[in-house]
Amino acid sequence: MVVKKRYDVKMSEYIHKSHNVSVLLYHIVCPAKYRRVVINEDVDKTMKEVCERISERYEIKFLEIGTEGDHVHFPVQSVPSYSPTKIVTTIKSIIAKKIFEKHPEVKKQLWGGEFWAEGHFVSTVSKHGNEYVITDYVKFQGTEEHYKRLQKIRNDDQRTLFD
């Protein structure tokens, strides 16, 4: 079962600290262990709730959460003191623990193992360029509309050698 869920987009903002201002955006993709389709509507709902709690406790703001059944897209914003690895580790460990607590059937589907695969994808996103492209990508992942939009963006961004 593929669950495509769109949450209210809360675009990034400048984070003001005592000695710096930042807008660090990342696109994180985390696959489920064995790429098994274990993210159904109930797991998706739990994941959203856990992400909200993570945002309250850590300086990690979820701009969008896109689930695809066997993997999840997280466009997030954070602060310079959090490395991308720390962000991914925090997200994956807390979500896995809470999903196994609330959905023991998922643990059975994964043969008693871990929720996430070991690897992940993380990419920086530009506030003034790719932020909307990535959130659009997550919103329309796997749809024909996504590919049409992506083609239009690529064509619009093409420049000639002597512009």
C-alpha atoms as a PDB file:
ATOM      1  CA  MET A   1       0.000   0.000   0.000  1.00  0.00           C
ATOM      2  CA  VAL A   2       1.369   3.417  -0.942  1.00  0.00           C
ATOM      3  CA  VAL A   3       0.447   6.283   1.339  1.00  0.00           C
ATOM      4  CA  LYS A   4       0.871   9.742  -0.118  1.00  0.00           C
ATOM      5  CA  LYS A   5       0.348  12.311   2.572  1.00  0.00           C
ATOM      6  CA  ARG A   6       0.776  16.045   2.376  1.00  0.00           C
ATOM      7  CA  TYR A   7       0.990  18.141   5.492  1.00  0.00           C
ATOM      8  CA  ASP A   8       0.646  21.899   5.741  1.00  0.00           C
ATOM      9  CA  VAL A   9       3.813  23.426   4.366  1.00  0.00           C
ATOM     10  CA  LYS A  10       5.491  25.777   6.806  1.00  0.00           C
ATOM     11  CA  MET A  11       8.214  27.362   4.729  1.00  0.00           C
ATOM     12  CA  SER A  12      11.607  27.986   6.193  1.00  0.00           C
ATOM     13  CA  GLU A  13      12.502  31.143   8.018  1.00  0.00           C
ATOM     14  CA  TYR A  14      15.688  32.754   9.197  1.00  0.00           C
ATOM     15  CA  ILE A  15      16.706  31.398  12.592  1.00  0.00           C
ATOM     16  CA  HIS A  16      18.227  34.138  14.745  1.00  0.00           C
ATOM     17  CA  LYS A  17      20.621  33.066  17.485  1.00  0.00           C
ATOM     18  CA  SER A  18      22.793  35.263  19.700  1.00  0.00           C
ATOM     19  CA  HIS A  19      25.749  35.242  17.279  1.00  0.00           C
ATOM     20  CA  ASN A  20      24.394  34.020  13.950  1.00  0.00           C
ATOM     21  CA  VAL A  21      21.490  33.923  11.577  1.00  0.00           C
ATOM     22  CA  SER A  22      20.938  30.815   9.484  1.00  0.00           C
ATOM     23  CA  VAL A  23      18.606  29.089   7.099  1.00  0.00           C
ATOM     24  CA  LEU A  24      19.920  25.543   6.704  1.00  0.00           C
ATOM     25  CA  LEU A  25      17.608  23.267   4.748  1.00  0.00           C
ATOM     26  CA  TYR A  26      18.021  19.562   4.052  1.00  0.00           C
ATOM     27  CA  HIS A  27      16.110  16.999   2.020  1.00  0.00           C
ATOM     28  CA  ILE A  28      16.384  13.690   3.864  1.00  0.00           C
ATOM     29  CA  VAL A  29      15.122  10.359   2.516  1.00  0.00           C
ATOM     30  CA  CYS A  30      15.005   7.344   4.822  1.00  0.00           C
ATOM     31  CA  PRO A  31      14.052   3.895   3.500  1.00  0.00           C
ATOM     32  CA  ALA A  32      12.403   1.255   5.674  1.00  0.00           C
ATOM     33  CA  LYS A  33      14.452  -1.848   6.420  1.00  0.00           C
ATOM     34  CA  TYR A  34      14.551  -4.228   3.454  1.00  0.00           C
ATOM     35  CA  ARG A  35      12.514  -1.573   1.584  1.00  0.00           C
ATOM     36  CA  ARG A  36       9.434  -3.302   2.992  1.00  0.00           C
ATOM     37  CA  VAL A  37       6.129  -1.480   2.650  1.00  0.00           C
ATOM     38  CA  VAL A  38       5.378  -0.971   6.350  1.00  0.00           C
ATOM     39  CA  ILE A  39       4.199   2.661   6.350  1.00  0.00           C
ATOM     40  CA  ASN A  40       0.418   2.519   6.267  1.00  0.00           C
ATOM     41  CA  GLU A  41      -2.016   5.264   7.314  1.00  0.00           C
ATOM     42  CA  ASP A  42      -1.737   4.454  11.044  1.00  0.00           C
ATOM     43  CA  VAL A  43       2.067   4.408  10.964  1.00  0.00           C
ATOM     44  CA  ASP A  44       2.006   7.601   8.892  1.00  0.00           C
ATOM     45  CA  LYS A  45      -0.153   9.320  11.539  1.00  0.00           C
ATOM     46  CA  THR A  46       2.154   8.184  14.339  1.00  0.00           C
ATOM     47  CA  MET A  47       5.162   9.376  12.358  1.00  0.00           C
ATOM     48  CA  LYS A  48       3.621  12.850  11.970  1.00  0.00           C
ATOM     49  CA  GLU A  49       2.890  13.052  15.705  1.00  0.00           C
ATOM     50  CA  VAL A  50       6.440  11.966  16.558  1.00  0.00           C
ATOM     51  CA  CYS A  51       7.893  14.544  14.152  1.00  0.00           C
ATOM     52  CA  GLU A  52       5.849  17.270  15.839  1.00  0.00           C
ATOM     53  CA  ARG A  53       7.267  16.176  19.212  1.00  0.00           C
ATOM     54  CA  ILE A  54      10.799  16.112  17.790  1.00  0.00           C
ATOM     55  CA  SER A  55      10.319  19.724  16.612  1.00  0.00           C
ATOM     56  CA  GLU A  56       9.269  20.734  20.128  1.00  0.00           C
ATOM     57  CA  ARG A  57      12.324  19.196  21.750  1.00  0.00           C
ATOM     58  CA  TYR A  58      15.067  19.627  19.144  1.00  0.00           C
ATOM     59  CA  GLU A  59      15.946  22.429  16.760  1.00  0.00           C
ATOM     60  CA  ILE A  60      14.637  20.467  13.799  1.00  0.00           C
ATOM     61  CA  LYS A  61      11.687  21.917  11.888  1.00  0.00           C
ATOM     62  CA  PHE A  62       9.840  19.611   9.481  1.00  0.00           C
ATOM     63  CA  LEU A  63       8.745  21.544   6.390  1.00  0.00           C
ATOM     64  CA  GLU A  64       6.925  18.576   4.881  1.00  0.00           C
ATOM     65  CA  ILE A  65       6.602  14.834   5.488  1.00  0.00           C
ATOM     66  CA  GLY A  66       6.065  12.629   2.465  1.00  0.00           C
ATOM     67  CA  THR A  67       5.520   8.902   2.953  1.00  0.00           C
ATOM     68  CA  GLU A  68       5.662   6.365   0.139  1.00  0.00           C
ATOM     69  CA  GLY A  69       5.031   3.065   1.929  1.00  0.00           C
ATOM     70  CA  ASP A  70       8.658   1.925   1.943  1.00  0.00           C
ATOM     71  CA  HIS A  71      10.454   5.255   2.445  1.00  0.00           C
ATOM     72  CA  VAL A  72       9.910   8.764   3.788  1.00  0.00           C
ATOM     73  CA  HIS A  73      10.969  12.220   2.576  1.00  0.00           C
ATOM     74  CA  PHE A  74      11.737  14.826   5.224  1.00  0.00           C
ATOM     75  CA  PRO A  75      12.505  18.361   4.043  1.00  0.00           C
ATOM     76  CA  VAL A  76      13.792  19.878   7.299  1.00  0.00           C
ATOM     77  CA  GLN A  77      15.370  23.045   8.611  1.00  0.00           C
ATOM     78  CA  SER A  78      17.868  23.095  11.445  1.00  0.00           C
ATOM     79  CA  VAL A  79      20.688  25.101  13.030  1.00  0.00           C
ATOM     80  CA  PRO A  80      24.457  25.106  12.344  1.00  0.00           C
ATOM     81  CA  SER A  81      25.251  23.236  15.575  1.00  0.00           C
ATOM     82  CA  TYR A  82      23.337  20.188  14.272  1.00  0.00           C
ATOM     83  CA  SER A  83      25.205  18.224  11.629  1.00  0.00           C
ATOM     84  CA  PRO A  84      23.174  16.437   8.948  1.00  0.00           C
ATOM     85  CA  THR A  85      24.219  13.133  10.543  1.00  0.00           C
ATOM     86  CA  LYS A  86      22.928  14.247  13.956  1.00  0.00           C
ATOM     87  CA  ILE A  87      19.625  15.328  12.396  1.00  0.00           C
ATOM     88  CA  VAL A  88      19.153  12.009  10.560  1.00  0.00           C
ATOM     89  CA  THR A  89      20.160   9.944  13.596  1.00  0.00           C
ATOM     90  CA  THR A  90      17.776  11.868  15.855  1.00  0.00           C
ATOM     91  CA  ILE A  91      14.859  11.533  13.440  1.00  0.00           C
ATOM     92  CA  LYS A  92      15.403   7.848  12.660  1.00  0.00           C
ATOM     93  CA  SER A  93      16.017   6.668  16.235  1.00  0.00           C
ATOM     94  CA  ILE A  94      13.068   8.441  17.851  1.00  0.00           C
ATOM     95  CA  ILE A  95      10.598   7.553  15.092  1.00  0.00           C
ATOM     96  CA  ALA A  96      11.646   3.881  15.096  1.00  0.00           C
ATOM     97  CA  LYS A  97      11.292   3.579  18.867  1.00  0.00           C
ATOM     98  CA  LYS A  98       7.833   5.170  18.922  1.00  0.00           C
ATOM     99  CA  ILE A  99       6.525   3.226  15.921  1.00  0.00           C
ATOM    100  CA  PHE A 100       7.602  -0.088  17.452  1.00  0.00           C
ATOM    101  CA  GLU A 101       5.912   0.925  20.738  1.00  0.00           C
ATOM    102  CA  LYS A 102       2.602   1.899  19.115  1.00  0.00           C
ATOM    103  CA  HIS A 103       2.601  -0.586  16.225  1.00  0.00           C
ATOM    104  CA  PRO A 104       4.096  -3.943  17.308  1.00  0.00           C
ATOM    105  CA  GLU A 105       2.785  -5.511  14.086  1.00  0.00           C
ATOM    106  CA  VAL A 106       5.395  -3.488  12.177  1.00  0.00           C
ATOM    107  CA  LYS A 107       8.179  -5.099  14.186  1.00  0.00           C
ATOM    108  CA  LYS A 108       6.777  -8.510  13.221  1.00  0.00           C
ATOM    109  CA  GLN A 109       6.718  -7.488   9.538  1.00  0.00           C
ATOM    110  CA  LEU A 110      10.408  -6.636   9.872  1.00  0.00           C
ATOM    111  CA  TRP A 111      11.221  -9.986  11.548  1.00  0.00           C
ATOM    112  CA  GLY A 112      11.917  -8.313  14.893  1.00  0.00           C
ATOM    113  CA  GLY A 113      14.629  -6.159  13.402  1.00  0.00           C
ATOM    114  CA  GLU A 114      15.138  -2.469  12.925  1.00  0.00           C
ATOM    115  CA  PHE A 115      12.639  -0.058  11.379  1.00  0.00           C
ATOM    116  CA  TRP A 116      15.024   1.839   9.093  1.00  0.00           C
ATOM    117  CA  ALA A 117      17.595   0.640   6.590  1.00  0.00           C
ATOM    118  CA  GLU A 118      21.151   1.606   7.521  1.00  0.00           C
ATOM    119  CA  GLY A 119      21.532   4.136   4.745  1.00  0.00           C
ATOM    120  CA  HIS A 120      19.836   7.400   3.976  1.00  0.00           C
ATOM    121  CA  PHE A 121      19.985  10.250   1.485  1.00  0.00           C
ATOM    122  CA  VAL A 122      20.600  13.843   2.546  1.00  0.00           C
ATOM    123  CA  SER A 123      21.004  16.883   0.371  1.00  0.00           C
ATOM    124  CA  THR A 124      21.200  20.590   1.048  1.00  0.00           C
ATOM    125  CA  VAL A 125      18.439  22.762  -0.323  1.00  0.00           C
ATOM    126  CA  SER A 126      18.726  26.408  -1.281  1.00  0.00           C
ATOM    127  CA  LYS A 127      16.183  28.770   0.250  1.00  0.00           C
ATOM    128  CA  HIS A 128      16.200  30.913  -2.864  1.00  0.00           C
ATOM    129  CA  GLY A 129      16.183  28.148  -5.441  1.00  0.00           C
ATOM    130  CA  ASN A 130      15.439  24.525  -4.697  1.00  0.00           C
ATOM    131  CA  GLU A 131      13.333  24.713  -1.549  1.00  0.00           C
ATOM    132  CA  TYR A 132      10.054  24.879  -3.496  1.00  0.00           C
ATOM    133  CA  VAL A 133      11.237  22.333  -6.027  1.00  0.00           C
ATOM    134  CA  ILE A 134      11.925  19.804  -3.246  1.00  0.00           C
ATOM    135  CA  THR A 135       8.625  20.411  -1.430  1.00  0.00           C
ATOM    136  CA  ASP A 136       6.841  20.153  -4.781  1.00  0.00           C
ATOM    137  CA  TYR A 137       8.717  16.915  -5.429  1.00  0.00           C
ATOM    138  CA  VAL A 138       7.567  15.466  -2.102  1.00  0.00           C
ATOM    139  CA  LYS A 139       3.957  16.604  -2.667  1.00  0.00           C
ATOM    140  CA  PHE A 140       3.676  15.034  -6.099  1.00  0.00           C
ATOM    141  CA  GLN A 141       6.067  12.085  -5.748  1.00  0.00           C
ATOM    142  CA  GLY A 142       5.143   9.241  -8.023  1.00  0.00           C
ATOM    143  CA  THR A 143       2.478  11.134  -9.952  1.00  0.00           C
ATOM    144  CA  GLU A 144       2.446  12.094 -13.593  1.00  0.00           C
ATOM    145  CA  GLU A 145       1.977  15.730 -12.536  1.00  0.00           C
ATOM    146  CA  HIS A 146       5.326  15.541 -10.721  1.00  0.00           C
ATOM    147  CA  TYR A 147       7.200  14.585 -13.855  1.00  0.00           C
ATOM    148  CA  LYS A 148       5.509  17.314 -15.905  1.00  0.00           C
ATOM    149  CA  ARG A 149       6.395  19.939 -13.275  1.00  0.00           C
ATOM    150  CA  LEU A 150       9.973  18.678 -13.052  1.00  0.00           C
ATOM    151  CA  GLN A 151      10.374  18.880 -16.842  1.00  0.00           C
ATOM    152  CA  LYS A 152       9.030  22.439 -16.853  1.00  0.00           C
ATOM    153  CA  ILE A 153      11.427  23.472 -14.070  1.00  0.00           C
ATOM    154  CA  ARG A 154      14.377  21.922 -15.903  1.00  0.00           C
ATOM    155  CA  ASN A 155      13.427  23.672 -19.153  1.00  0.00           C
ATOM    156  CA  ASP A 156      12.886  27.025 -17.401  1.00  0.00           C
ATOM    157  CA  ASP A 157      16.255  26.775 -15.656  1.00  0.00           C
ATOM    158  CA  GLN A 158      18.192  25.893 -18.821  1.00  0.00           C
ATOM    159  CA  ARG A 159      20.534  28.694 -19.801  1.00  0.00           C
ATOM    160  CA  THR A 160      22.416  29.223 -22.968  1.00  0.00           C
ATOM    161  CA  LEU A 161      26.166  29.670 -23.048  1.00  0.00           C
ATOM    162  CA  PHE A 162      26.037  33.424 -23.799  1.00  0.00           C
ATOM    163  CA  ASP A 163      22.964  34.678 -21.837  1.00  0.00           C
END
